[in-house]
Amino acid sequence: MKCRLVKVGELSGKSASVYSIVFNNKEETLLDQFIRECIISFKNETKDIVKRLKTIGSRTGARTHFFKEFEGEPGDGVCALYDKPGSNLRLYCIRYGTQILVVGSGGPKNKTIRAFQEDKKLKNENYFLRWLSSQITERIRGKDITFINDGFDLKGNLEFEINEK
């Protein structure tokens, strides 16, 4: 299976570029999937998260206070975006400073669990982004991916082979 990073034009703007992930040349991104899965049961929170992403792209950039940081390994940039502290939904992302945000997926975090690892879907979404972050980092170090446009965009080999186990 393959995945690739794609820029989400309708969310990107003068303050940040927002990317998401597509699998096997499909059209639907992980962000699209997240919205489709959550919009019925968590309509207001889903709308607020999309609004927050638009604000990040057009006005504020990916400021630290929008995210719950350190949701991955030290230094990998994996974090969770939520509309308000204490909300149900978590959207896992990888931050590259304030100018680039790679948006994965996520879902509702049940109030009865203490950590995302106790929820299979959240754990899978989080661990996928950890893996992807390590792949992107490796390619940046090898100069297969570079930052362009004053750090607002990624250029290079943005397609990744996923070895399923």
C-alpha atoms as a PDB file:
ATOM      1  CA  MET A   1       0.000   0.000   0.000  1.00  0.00           C
ATOM      2  CA  LYS A   2       1.151   3.540  -0.718  1.00  0.00           C
ATOM      3  CA  CYS A   3       0.303   6.918   0.699  1.00  0.00           C
ATOM      4  CA  ARG A   4       1.254  10.417  -0.335  1.00  0.00           C
ATOM      5  CA  LEU A   5       1.082  13.905   1.073  1.00  0.00           C
ATOM      6  CA  VAL A   6      -1.222  16.337  -0.726  1.00  0.00           C
ATOM      7  CA  LYS A   7      -1.665  20.023  -0.067  1.00  0.00           C
ATOM      8  CA  VAL A   8      -5.198  20.991   0.942  1.00  0.00           C
ATOM      9  CA  GLY A   9      -5.640  24.209  -1.016  1.00  0.00           C
ATOM     10  CA  GLU A  10      -8.894  25.301   0.597  1.00  0.00           C
ATOM     11  CA  LEU A  11      -7.275  25.254   4.060  1.00  0.00           C
ATOM     12  CA  SER A  12      -3.821  26.584   3.138  1.00  0.00           C
ATOM     13  CA  GLY A  13      -3.128  30.286   3.021  1.00  0.00           C
ATOM     14  CA  LYS A  14      -0.689  33.081   3.740  1.00  0.00           C
ATOM     15  CA  SER A  15       0.091  31.860   7.277  1.00  0.00           C
ATOM     16  CA  ALA A  16       0.475  28.088   6.836  1.00  0.00           C
ATOM     17  CA  SER A  17       0.188  25.219   4.393  1.00  0.00           C
ATOM     18  CA  VAL A  18      -2.053  22.335   5.372  1.00  0.00           C
ATOM     19  CA  TYR A  19      -1.330  18.879   3.974  1.00  0.00           C
ATOM     20  CA  SER A  20      -3.206  15.620   4.383  1.00  0.00           C
ATOM     21  CA  ILE A  21      -2.652  12.019   3.278  1.00  0.00           C
ATOM     22  CA  VAL A  22      -4.233   9.940   0.528  1.00  0.00           C
ATOM     23  CA  PHE A  23      -3.863   6.183   0.084  1.00  0.00           C
ATOM     24  CA  ASN A  24      -3.343   4.320  -3.187  1.00  0.00           C
ATOM     25  CA  ASN A  25      -4.197   7.266  -5.450  1.00  0.00           C
ATOM     26  CA  LYS A  26      -7.671   7.685  -3.986  1.00  0.00           C
ATOM     27  CA  GLU A  27      -9.265  11.125  -3.868  1.00  0.00           C
ATOM     28  CA  GLU A  28     -10.358  11.096  -0.212  1.00  0.00           C
ATOM     29  CA  THR A  29      -7.766  12.353   2.255  1.00  0.00           C
ATOM     30  CA  LEU A  30      -7.496  11.239   5.861  1.00  0.00           C
ATOM     31  CA  LEU A  31      -8.920  14.646   6.782  1.00  0.00           C
ATOM     32  CA  ASP A  32     -11.925  14.050   4.503  1.00  0.00           C
ATOM     33  CA  GLN A  33     -12.413  10.648   6.134  1.00  0.00           C
ATOM     34  CA  PHE A  34     -12.210  12.179   9.628  1.00  0.00           C
ATOM     35  CA  ILE A  35     -14.861  14.768   8.726  1.00  0.00           C
ATOM     36  CA  ARG A  36     -17.145  12.149   7.157  1.00  0.00           C
ATOM     37  CA  GLU A  37     -16.846   9.878  10.208  1.00  0.00           C
ATOM     38  CA  CYS A  38     -17.374  12.607  12.811  1.00  0.00           C
ATOM     39  CA  ILE A  39     -19.774  15.142  11.298  1.00  0.00           C
ATOM     40  CA  ILE A  40     -22.964  13.290  12.281  1.00  0.00           C
ATOM     41  CA  SER A  41     -22.209  12.546  15.948  1.00  0.00           C
ATOM     42  CA  PHE A  42     -19.936  15.538  16.617  1.00  0.00           C
ATOM     43  CA  LYS A  43     -21.248  18.174  14.216  1.00  0.00           C
ATOM     44  CA  ASN A  44     -20.248  21.314  16.141  1.00  0.00           C
ATOM     45  CA  GLU A  45     -16.819  20.004  17.151  1.00  0.00           C
ATOM     46  CA  THR A  46     -16.083  18.850  13.586  1.00  0.00           C
ATOM     47  CA  LYS A  47     -17.089  22.235  12.173  1.00  0.00           C
ATOM     48  CA  ASP A  48     -14.978  23.992  14.809  1.00  0.00           C
ATOM     49  CA  ILE A  49     -11.915  21.872  13.912  1.00  0.00           C
ATOM     50  CA  VAL A  50     -12.305  22.676  10.203  1.00  0.00           C
ATOM     51  CA  LYS A  51     -12.733  26.353  11.096  1.00  0.00           C
ATOM     52  CA  ARG A  52      -9.574  26.168  13.229  1.00  0.00           C
ATOM     53  CA  LEU A  53      -7.666  24.636  10.280  1.00  0.00           C
ATOM     54  CA  LYS A  54      -8.835  27.475   8.009  1.00  0.00           C
ATOM     55  CA  THR A  55      -7.723  30.012  10.619  1.00  0.00           C
ATOM     56  CA  ILE A  56      -4.325  28.298  10.896  1.00  0.00           C
ATOM     57  CA  GLY A  57      -3.836  28.476   7.137  1.00  0.00           C
ATOM     58  CA  SER A  58      -5.124  31.982   6.549  1.00  0.00           C
ATOM     59  CA  ARG A  59      -4.377  33.972   9.704  1.00  0.00           C
ATOM     60  CA  THR A  60      -2.423  32.502  12.587  1.00  0.00           C
ATOM     61  CA  GLY A  61      -0.187  29.670  11.459  1.00  0.00           C
ATOM     62  CA  ALA A  62       0.058  26.448  13.489  1.00  0.00           C
ATOM     63  CA  ARG A  63       0.554  28.062  16.890  1.00  0.00           C
ATOM     64  CA  THR A  64       1.472  25.787  19.755  1.00  0.00           C
ATOM     65  CA  HIS A  65      -1.558  26.621  21.902  1.00  0.00           C
ATOM     66  CA  PHE A  66      -3.950  25.093  19.330  1.00  0.00           C
ATOM     67  CA  PHE A  67      -2.462  21.648  19.948  1.00  0.00           C
ATOM     68  CA  LYS A  68      -1.871  19.059  22.587  1.00  0.00           C
ATOM     69  CA  GLU A  69       1.823  18.496  22.011  1.00  0.00           C
ATOM     70  CA  PHE A  70       4.012  15.437  22.574  1.00  0.00           C
ATOM     71  CA  GLU A  71       1.464  12.880  21.377  1.00  0.00           C
ATOM     72  CA  GLY A  72       4.254  10.908  19.706  1.00  0.00           C
ATOM     73  CA  GLU A  73       7.938  10.277  20.228  1.00  0.00           C
ATOM     74  CA  PRO A  74      10.207  13.137  21.359  1.00  0.00           C
ATOM     75  CA  GLY A  75      10.896  15.491  18.463  1.00  0.00           C
ATOM     76  CA  ASP A  76       8.559  13.896  15.909  1.00  0.00           C
ATOM     77  CA  GLY A  77       6.057  16.779  15.913  1.00  0.00           C
ATOM     78  CA  VAL A  78       3.012  14.533  16.383  1.00  0.00           C
ATOM     79  CA  CYS A  79       0.282  16.411  18.213  1.00  0.00           C
ATOM     80  CA  ALA A  80      -3.492  16.515  18.564  1.00  0.00           C
ATOM     81  CA  LEU A  81      -5.685  19.368  17.369  1.00  0.00           C
ATOM     82  CA  TYR A  82      -8.962  19.940  19.129  1.00  0.00           C
ATOM     83  CA  ASP A  83     -11.542  22.685  18.972  1.00  0.00           C
ATOM     84  CA  LYS A  84     -11.503  23.438  22.706  1.00  0.00           C
ATOM     85  CA  PRO A  85      -9.665  21.885  25.662  1.00  0.00           C
ATOM     86  CA  GLY A  86     -11.680  19.023  27.124  1.00  0.00           C
ATOM     87  CA  SER A  87     -13.534  18.321  23.874  1.00  0.00           C
ATOM     88  CA  ASN A  88     -14.288  14.847  22.576  1.00  0.00           C
ATOM     89  CA  LEU A  89     -12.567  14.901  19.188  1.00  0.00           C
ATOM     90  CA  ARG A  90      -8.881  14.490  18.517  1.00  0.00           C
ATOM     91  CA  LEU A  91      -7.339  15.124  15.103  1.00  0.00           C
ATOM     92  CA  TYR A  92      -3.739  13.932  14.919  1.00  0.00           C
ATOM     93  CA  CYS A  93      -1.252  16.098  13.051  1.00  0.00           C
ATOM     94  CA  ILE A  94       2.459  16.612  12.468  1.00  0.00           C
ATOM     95  CA  ARG A  95       3.650  20.198  12.948  1.00  0.00           C
ATOM     96  CA  TYR A  96       6.648  21.624  11.126  1.00  0.00           C
ATOM     97  CA  GLY A  97       7.029  24.920  12.918  1.00  0.00           C
ATOM     98  CA  THR A  98       4.088  27.245  12.465  1.00  0.00           C
ATOM     99  CA  GLN A  99       4.092  27.099   8.666  1.00  0.00           C
ATOM    100  CA  ILE A 100       3.389  23.466   7.709  1.00  0.00           C
ATOM    101  CA  LEU A 101       0.798  21.141   9.194  1.00  0.00           C
ATOM    102  CA  VAL A 102       0.292  17.541   8.050  1.00  0.00           C
ATOM    103  CA  VAL A 103      -3.203  16.458   9.084  1.00  0.00           C
ATOM    104  CA  GLY A 104      -3.975  12.798   9.609  1.00  0.00           C
ATOM    105  CA  SER A 105      -7.120  11.451  11.187  1.00  0.00           C
ATOM    106  CA  GLY A 106      -8.410  10.739  14.653  1.00  0.00           C
ATOM    107  CA  GLY A 107     -11.799  10.486  16.262  1.00  0.00           C
ATOM    108  CA  PRO A 108     -13.660  10.834  19.519  1.00  0.00           C
ATOM    109  CA  LYS A 109     -11.779  10.234  22.738  1.00  0.00           C
ATOM    110  CA  ASN A 110     -14.119   8.544  25.147  1.00  0.00           C
ATOM    111  CA  LYS A 111     -14.177  10.318  28.522  1.00  0.00           C
ATOM    112  CA  THR A 112     -13.773   6.971  30.313  1.00  0.00           C
ATOM    113  CA  ILE A 113     -10.273   6.320  28.930  1.00  0.00           C
ATOM    114  CA  ARG A 114      -7.172   8.024  30.268  1.00  0.00           C
ATOM    115  CA  ALA A 115      -4.881   7.651  27.249  1.00  0.00           C
ATOM    116  CA  PHE A 116      -5.411   7.318  23.512  1.00  0.00           C
ATOM    117  CA  GLN A 117      -3.596   3.956  23.633  1.00  0.00           C
ATOM    118  CA  GLU A 118      -6.704   2.506  25.277  1.00  0.00           C
ATOM    119  CA  ASP A 119      -8.734   3.239  22.115  1.00  0.00           C
ATOM    120  CA  LYS A 120      -7.759   1.067  19.127  1.00  0.00           C
ATOM    121  CA  LYS A 121      -8.712   3.618  16.438  1.00  0.00           C
ATOM    122  CA  LEU A 122      -6.952   6.560  18.105  1.00  0.00           C
ATOM    123  CA  LYS A 123      -3.890   4.396  18.769  1.00  0.00           C
ATOM    124  CA  ASN A 124      -3.738   3.287  15.114  1.00  0.00           C
ATOM    125  CA  GLU A 125      -4.140   6.842  13.802  1.00  0.00           C
ATOM    126  CA  ASN A 126      -1.484   8.167  16.180  1.00  0.00           C
ATOM    127  CA  TYR A 127       1.031   5.401  15.463  1.00  0.00           C
ATOM    128  CA  PHE A 128       0.571   5.830  11.715  1.00  0.00           C
ATOM    129  CA  LEU A 129       1.524   9.511  12.029  1.00  0.00           C
ATOM    130  CA  ARG A 130       4.529   8.591  14.165  1.00  0.00           C
ATOM    131  CA  TRP A 131       5.670   6.263  11.390  1.00  0.00           C
ATOM    132  CA  LEU A 132       4.998   8.883   8.697  1.00  0.00           C
ATOM    133  CA  SER A 133       6.872  11.537  10.663  1.00  0.00           C
ATOM    134  CA  SER A 134       9.931   9.279  10.853  1.00  0.00           C
ATOM    135  CA  GLN A 135       9.754   8.681   7.081  1.00  0.00           C
ATOM    136  CA  ILE A 136       9.463  12.399   6.329  1.00  0.00           C
ATOM    137  CA  THR A 137      12.357  13.179   8.701  1.00  0.00           C
ATOM    138  CA  GLU A 138      14.533  10.559   7.020  1.00  0.00           C
ATOM    139  CA  ARG A 139      13.802  12.061   3.597  1.00  0.00           C
ATOM    140  CA  ILE A 140      14.461  15.602   4.816  1.00  0.00           C
ATOM    141  CA  ARG A 141      17.848  14.480   6.154  1.00  0.00           C
ATOM    142  CA  GLY A 142      18.588  12.758   2.843  1.00  0.00           C
ATOM    143  CA  LYS A 143      17.418  15.848   0.927  1.00  0.00           C
ATOM    144  CA  ASP A 144      14.694  13.837  -0.846  1.00  0.00           C
ATOM    145  CA  ILE A 145      12.210  16.310   0.669  1.00  0.00           C
ATOM    146  CA  THR A 146      12.991  19.988   1.034  1.00  0.00           C
ATOM    147  CA  PHE A 147      11.195  23.050   2.340  1.00  0.00           C
ATOM    148  CA  ILE A 148      10.432  25.654  -0.333  1.00  0.00           C
ATOM    149  CA  ASN A 149       8.590  28.985  -0.556  1.00  0.00           C
ATOM    150  CA  ASP A 150      10.202  30.328   2.630  1.00  0.00           C
ATOM    151  CA  GLY A 151       9.306  27.144   4.527  1.00  0.00           C
ATOM    152  CA  PHE A 152       5.628  27.092   3.535  1.00  0.00           C
ATOM    153  CA  ASP A 153       5.729  24.025   1.284  1.00  0.00           C
ATOM    154  CA  LEU A 154       7.270  20.596   0.932  1.00  0.00           C
ATOM    155  CA  LYS A 155       8.920  19.538  -2.322  1.00  0.00           C
ATOM    156  CA  GLY A 156      10.279  16.183  -3.356  1.00  0.00           C
ATOM    157  CA  ASN A 157       9.304  12.565  -2.923  1.00  0.00           C
ATOM    158  CA  LEU A 158       6.042  12.811  -0.969  1.00  0.00           C
ATOM    159  CA  GLU A 159       4.918   9.224  -1.680  1.00  0.00           C
ATOM    160  CA  PHE A 160       5.564   6.495   0.883  1.00  0.00           C
ATOM    161  CA  GLU A 161       5.387   2.717   0.716  1.00  0.00           C
ATOM    162  CA  ILE A 162       3.617   1.238   3.727  1.00  0.00           C
ATOM    163  CA  ASN A 163       4.854  -2.200   4.697  1.00  0.00           C
ATOM    164  CA  GLU A 164       1.880  -3.827   6.381  1.00  0.00           C
ATOM    165  CA  LYS A 165       2.616  -6.358   9.108  1.00  0.00           C
END
